[in-house]
């Protein structure tokens, strides 16, 4: 099977950083198939990167190598790691970027990357994506075992994220992301609720639950279960983020059907 390497970064598309990483991979493992997840994570926003990685990784076949670089601590004492999960390998800085993805892919082992045979010589202090992470991912795709990248270590840095809170008459959640349409993506999943939801509240605004966008009139607010299986708040033909003046980490309350 052709090895697959996915790429997620905050490098954007203006500069050649992503292309350079792909060039490094191609020079080591030309048969690898490279798949871009996104390179438009907000600069240095590890939390946003973690959520986007979580959204995308689970759709890939077992054995995929997920290469992720959102790395404000590049050049510091933070570790570079290879994580072996039940289904996937991850190559990333140990800064919380893998927090959400690993909740659905239990960790078997973590290896700290030691610069050497499987990295570029004399890694810079500002571009580990090119000098460390890309070559390591390429060597893994070529069949080198994760154990060869460095010693096995314990523990990974985890992001400190808000927690959902549920009770009989309401469920409290939070906005984890705002997509390019202005939809507010929450952390609420239907199986976590103890009741049939009927409406949500954000910033004092009551919003009905719907099954699809056309169920409400143009410009109206609605809440619905999105394609990722979590609750989203939208405006038909508009931006919920703009209408509600809400963004990531905004509080969202979900209420049972028939509640006032």
Protein backbone atom coordinates (compact mmCIF):
# COMPACT_ATOMS: atom_id res chain seq x y z
CA UNK A 1 0.00 0.00 0.00
CA UNK A 2 1.27 3.48 -0.88
CA UNK A 3 2.27 5.29 2.34
CA UNK A 4 0.15 8.34 3.15
CA UNK A 5 1.48 11.41 4.95
CA UNK A 6 -0.94 14.16 5.87
CA UNK A 7 0.23 17.70 6.56
CA UNK A 8 -1.27 20.31 8.87
CA UNK A 9 0.53 23.57 9.64
CA UNK A 10 0.06 27.26 10.38
CA UNK A 11 2.48 28.19 7.58
CA UNK A 12 -0.13 29.60 5.20
CA UNK A 13 0.29 29.58 1.42
CA UNK A 14 2.18 32.81 0.77
CA UNK A 15 5.64 31.52 1.68
CA UNK A 16 7.35 28.36 0.38
CA UNK A 17 7.51 26.60 3.77
CA UNK A 18 4.95 23.90 2.91
CA UNK A 19 6.51 23.25 -0.48
CA UNK A 20 9.94 22.93 1.10
CA UNK A 21 8.65 20.32 3.56
CA UNK A 22 7.14 18.38 0.66
CA UNK A 23 10.45 18.58 -1.16
CA UNK A 24 12.25 17.06 1.82
CA UNK A 25 9.73 14.22 1.98
CA UNK A 26 10.00 13.60 -1.77
CA UNK A 27 13.77 13.35 -1.54
CA UNK A 28 13.56 10.62 1.10
CA UNK A 29 10.38 8.75 0.20
CA UNK A 30 9.28 9.69 -3.32
CA UNK A 31 6.51 7.09 -3.30
CA UNK A 32 4.72 8.72 -0.35
CA UNK A 33 1.33 10.27 -1.06
CA UNK A 34 1.11 13.71 0.55
CA UNK A 35 -2.32 15.00 1.57
CA UNK A 36 -2.79 18.59 2.76
CA UNK A 37 -5.26 18.89 5.63
CA UNK A 38 -4.85 22.65 6.07
CA UNK A 39 -2.07 25.19 6.25
CA UNK A 40 -4.39 28.00 7.34
CA UNK A 41 -4.37 27.41 11.10
CA UNK A 42 -4.10 30.83 12.74
CA UNK A 43 -0.42 31.59 13.38
CA UNK A 44 0.90 29.89 16.54
CA UNK A 45 -2.63 28.82 17.58
CA UNK A 46 -2.02 25.33 18.95
CA UNK A 47 -5.60 24.93 20.19
CA UNK A 48 -7.07 25.64 16.76
CA UNK A 49 -4.56 23.29 15.17
CA UNK A 50 -5.51 20.54 17.62
CA UNK A 51 -9.16 20.84 16.70
CA UNK A 52 -8.53 20.84 12.94
CA UNK A 53 -6.29 17.80 13.32
CA UNK A 54 -9.00 16.01 15.29
CA UNK A 55 -11.58 16.78 12.60
CA UNK A 56 -9.48 15.31 9.80
CA UNK A 57 -7.29 12.45 11.00
CA UNK A 58 -10.00 9.85 11.68
CA UNK A 59 -11.05 9.75 8.01
CA UNK A 60 -7.77 8.22 6.88
CA UNK A 61 -6.87 4.53 6.61
CA UNK A 62 -4.94 2.81 9.37
CA UNK A 63 -1.19 3.29 9.01
CA UNK A 64 -1.42 6.91 7.85
CA UNK A 65 1.32 9.21 9.16
CA UNK A 66 -0.04 12.53 10.39
CA UNK A 67 2.59 15.29 10.26
CA UNK A 68 1.47 18.40 12.16
CA UNK A 69 3.44 21.58 12.83
CA UNK A 70 1.98 24.46 14.82
CA UNK A 71 5.03 25.22 16.85
CA UNK A 72 5.39 28.55 18.68
CA UNK A 73 8.06 26.93 20.88
CA UNK A 74 10.32 25.91 17.99
CA UNK A 75 13.97 25.89 19.03
CA UNK A 76 13.15 25.70 22.74
CA UNK A 77 13.31 22.77 25.14
CA UNK A 78 9.93 21.41 23.98
CA UNK A 79 10.21 17.86 22.68
CA UNK A 80 9.74 16.70 19.10
CA UNK A 81 7.94 13.36 19.14
CA UNK A 82 6.67 10.41 17.19
CA UNK A 83 3.48 9.02 18.72
CA UNK A 84 2.33 5.51 17.87
CA UNK A 85 -1.43 5.22 18.23
CA UNK A 86 -3.66 2.22 17.67
CA UNK A 87 -4.34 3.34 14.08
CA UNK A 88 -1.90 6.07 13.13
CA UNK A 89 1.58 7.51 13.58
CA UNK A 90 1.89 11.19 14.50
CA UNK A 91 4.94 13.40 14.03
CA UNK A 92 4.64 16.71 15.86
CA UNK A 93 5.95 19.02 18.57
CA UNK A 94 4.95 17.97 22.08
CA UNK A 95 2.94 21.10 22.85
CA UNK A 96 -0.64 19.86 23.08
CA UNK A 97 -1.24 19.80 19.33
CA UNK A 98 -2.15 16.09 19.48
CA UNK A 99 -4.48 16.38 22.49
CA UNK A 100 -7.79 15.92 20.67
CA UNK A 101 -6.68 13.55 17.92
CA UNK A 102 -5.31 11.09 20.46
CA UNK A 103 -8.60 10.91 22.36
CA UNK A 104 -9.88 8.79 19.50
CA UNK A 105 -6.64 6.88 18.90
CA UNK A 106 -5.21 5.45 22.13
CA UNK A 107 -1.45 5.87 22.52
CA UNK A 108 0.75 2.79 22.39
CA UNK A 109 4.11 4.52 22.68
CA UNK A 110 5.80 7.93 22.48
CA UNK A 111 9.33 8.41 21.15
CA UNK A 112 11.35 11.59 21.51
CA UNK A 113 13.03 12.49 18.23
CA UNK A 114 16.80 12.79 18.56
CA UNK A 115 18.47 14.69 15.70
CA UNK A 116 20.73 12.36 13.77
CA UNK A 117 20.44 9.87 10.95
CA UNK A 118 16.73 10.50 10.35
CA UNK A 119 16.72 14.31 10.46
CA UNK A 120 18.52 16.83 8.30
CA UNK A 121 22.05 17.65 9.47
CA UNK A 122 22.42 20.65 11.78
CA UNK A 123 18.72 21.46 12.28
CA UNK A 124 17.93 25.16 12.45
CA UNK A 125 16.25 26.68 15.51
CA UNK A 126 13.38 28.17 13.49
CA UNK A 127 12.24 25.57 10.92
CA UNK A 128 11.89 22.15 12.52
CA UNK A 129 9.11 21.40 10.03
CA UNK A 130 11.78 21.12 7.35
CA UNK A 131 14.73 19.89 9.38
CA UNK A 132 13.16 17.43 11.83
CA UNK A 133 9.47 16.64 11.32
CA UNK A 134 9.38 16.24 7.52
CA UNK A 135 12.42 13.93 7.27
CA UNK A 136 11.25 11.82 10.21
CA UNK A 137 7.80 11.39 8.63
CA UNK A 138 9.43 10.45 5.33
CA UNK A 139 11.68 7.84 6.94
CA UNK A 140 8.68 6.37 8.76
CA UNK A 141 6.86 6.16 5.42
CA UNK A 142 9.92 4.36 4.01
CA UNK A 143 9.56 1.67 6.67
CA UNK A 144 11.91 2.83 9.41
CA UNK A 145 10.42 1.91 12.80
CA UNK A 146 9.38 4.63 15.26
CA UNK A 147 11.78 3.13 17.82
CA UNK A 148 14.70 4.24 15.63
CA UNK A 149 13.80 7.92 16.06
CA UNK A 150 14.81 8.15 19.70
CA UNK A 151 14.11 6.86 23.21
CA UNK A 152 10.66 5.93 24.39
CA UNK A 153 9.34 8.55 26.80
CA UNK A 154 6.29 8.88 29.01
CA UNK A 155 3.64 11.55 29.04
CA UNK A 156 2.56 14.12 26.50
CA UNK A 157 1.71 17.77 26.93
CA UNK A 158 -2.07 18.25 26.94
CA UNK A 159 -4.08 21.38 26.30
CA UNK A 160 -6.19 22.62 29.19
CA UNK A 161 -9.60 22.92 27.56
CA UNK A 162 -13.04 23.79 28.95
CA UNK A 163 -15.21 20.83 29.90
CA UNK A 164 -18.80 20.08 28.95
CA UNK A 165 -21.22 19.99 31.89
CA UNK A 166 -24.55 18.20 31.74
CA UNK A 167 -27.60 17.95 33.99
CA UNK A 168 -31.28 17.05 33.61
CA UNK A 169 -32.51 20.45 32.39
CA UNK A 170 -29.55 21.83 30.46
CA UNK A 171 -26.16 21.01 28.91
CA UNK A 172 -23.31 23.52 28.99
CA UNK A 173 -20.74 23.39 26.22
CA UNK A 174 -18.38 25.76 24.39
CA UNK A 175 -17.33 26.85 20.93
CA UNK A 176 -14.21 24.99 19.81
CA UNK A 177 -13.89 26.55 16.37
CA UNK A 178 -15.34 29.06 13.94
CA UNK A 179 -15.25 27.89 10.32
CA UNK A 180 -14.85 30.11 7.26
CA UNK A 181 -18.64 30.44 6.94
CA UNK A 182 -18.91 31.84 10.45
CA UNK A 183 -20.49 28.69 11.88
CA UNK A 184 -19.84 28.20 15.59
CA UNK A 185 -18.69 24.61 16.10
CA UNK A 186 -19.25 23.33 19.64
CA UNK A 187 -17.88 20.42 21.66
CA UNK A 188 -21.37 18.93 22.25
CA UNK A 189 -22.07 15.44 20.90
CA UNK A 190 -25.61 13.98 20.93
CA UNK A 191 -24.73 10.93 23.02
CA UNK A 192 -23.57 13.19 25.87
CA UNK A 193 -27.02 14.72 26.32
CA UNK A 194 -29.56 13.25 28.76
CA UNK A 195 -32.52 14.72 26.89
CA UNK A 196 -33.86 15.49 23.42
CA UNK A 197 -32.56 18.99 22.63
CA UNK A 198 -34.88 21.66 21.31
CA UNK A 199 -33.00 24.95 21.48
CA UNK A 200 -29.70 26.54 22.45
CA UNK A 201 -28.71 29.86 23.95
CA UNK A 202 -25.66 31.96 23.13
CA UNK A 203 -25.20 35.36 24.71
CA UNK A 204 -28.83 35.45 25.79
CA UNK A 205 -30.17 34.64 22.30
CA UNK A 206 -32.48 31.62 22.01
CA UNK A 207 -31.84 29.60 18.85
CA UNK A 208 -34.03 26.73 17.57
CA UNK A 209 -32.65 23.31 16.72
CA UNK A 210 -33.13 22.34 13.07
CA UNK A 211 -32.16 19.44 10.83
CA UNK A 212 -30.95 21.47 7.82
CA UNK A 213 -30.37 25.07 6.77
CA UNK A 214 -33.47 25.40 4.57
CA UNK A 215 -35.66 24.74 7.60
CA UNK A 216 -35.33 28.42 8.57
CA UNK A 217 -35.68 31.62 6.57
CA UNK A 218 -32.74 33.46 5.01
CA UNK A 219 -30.74 35.31 7.65
CA UNK A 220 -32.19 33.34 10.58
CA UNK A 221 -30.19 31.64 13.31
CA UNK A 222 -30.36 27.89 13.76
CA UNK A 223 -28.54 25.09 15.56
CA UNK A 224 -28.01 21.69 13.99
CA UNK A 225 -25.85 18.60 14.22
CA UNK A 226 -22.98 19.15 11.80
CA UNK A 227 -21.07 16.74 9.59
CA UNK A 228 -18.50 16.09 12.34
CA UNK A 229 -21.26 14.94 14.71
CA UNK A 230 -21.13 17.98 16.99
CA UNK A 231 -23.62 20.79 17.49
CA UNK A 232 -23.13 23.83 15.26
CA UNK A 233 -24.76 27.26 15.37
CA UNK A 234 -25.31 28.89 12.01
CA UNK A 235 -27.09 31.63 10.13
CA UNK A 236 -28.73 30.64 6.87
CA UNK A 237 -26.86 32.62 4.25
CA UNK A 238 -24.80 34.46 6.84
CA UNK A 239 -22.32 34.26 9.71
CA UNK A 240 -23.37 33.21 13.21
CA UNK A 241 -20.06 34.49 14.57
CA UNK A 242 -20.83 37.97 13.24
CA UNK A 243 -24.51 38.01 14.22
CA UNK A 244 -23.86 36.74 17.76
CA UNK A 245 -20.51 38.50 18.15
CA UNK A 246 -19.17 35.19 19.45
CA UNK A 247 -15.99 33.24 18.87
CA UNK A 248 -13.96 30.35 20.18
CA UNK A 249 -14.56 29.44 23.84
CA UNK A 250 -17.93 31.21 23.87
CA UNK A 251 -20.39 29.50 26.23
CA UNK A 252 -23.35 27.63 24.74
CA UNK A 253 -26.33 26.26 26.69
CA UNK A 254 -28.50 23.48 25.25
CA UNK A 255 -32.06 23.00 26.53
CA UNK A 256 -34.62 20.19 26.16
CA UNK A 257 -37.37 20.30 23.56
CA UNK A 258 -40.40 22.13 24.93
CA UNK A 259 -38.45 24.18 27.47
CA UNK A 260 -39.20 27.89 27.78
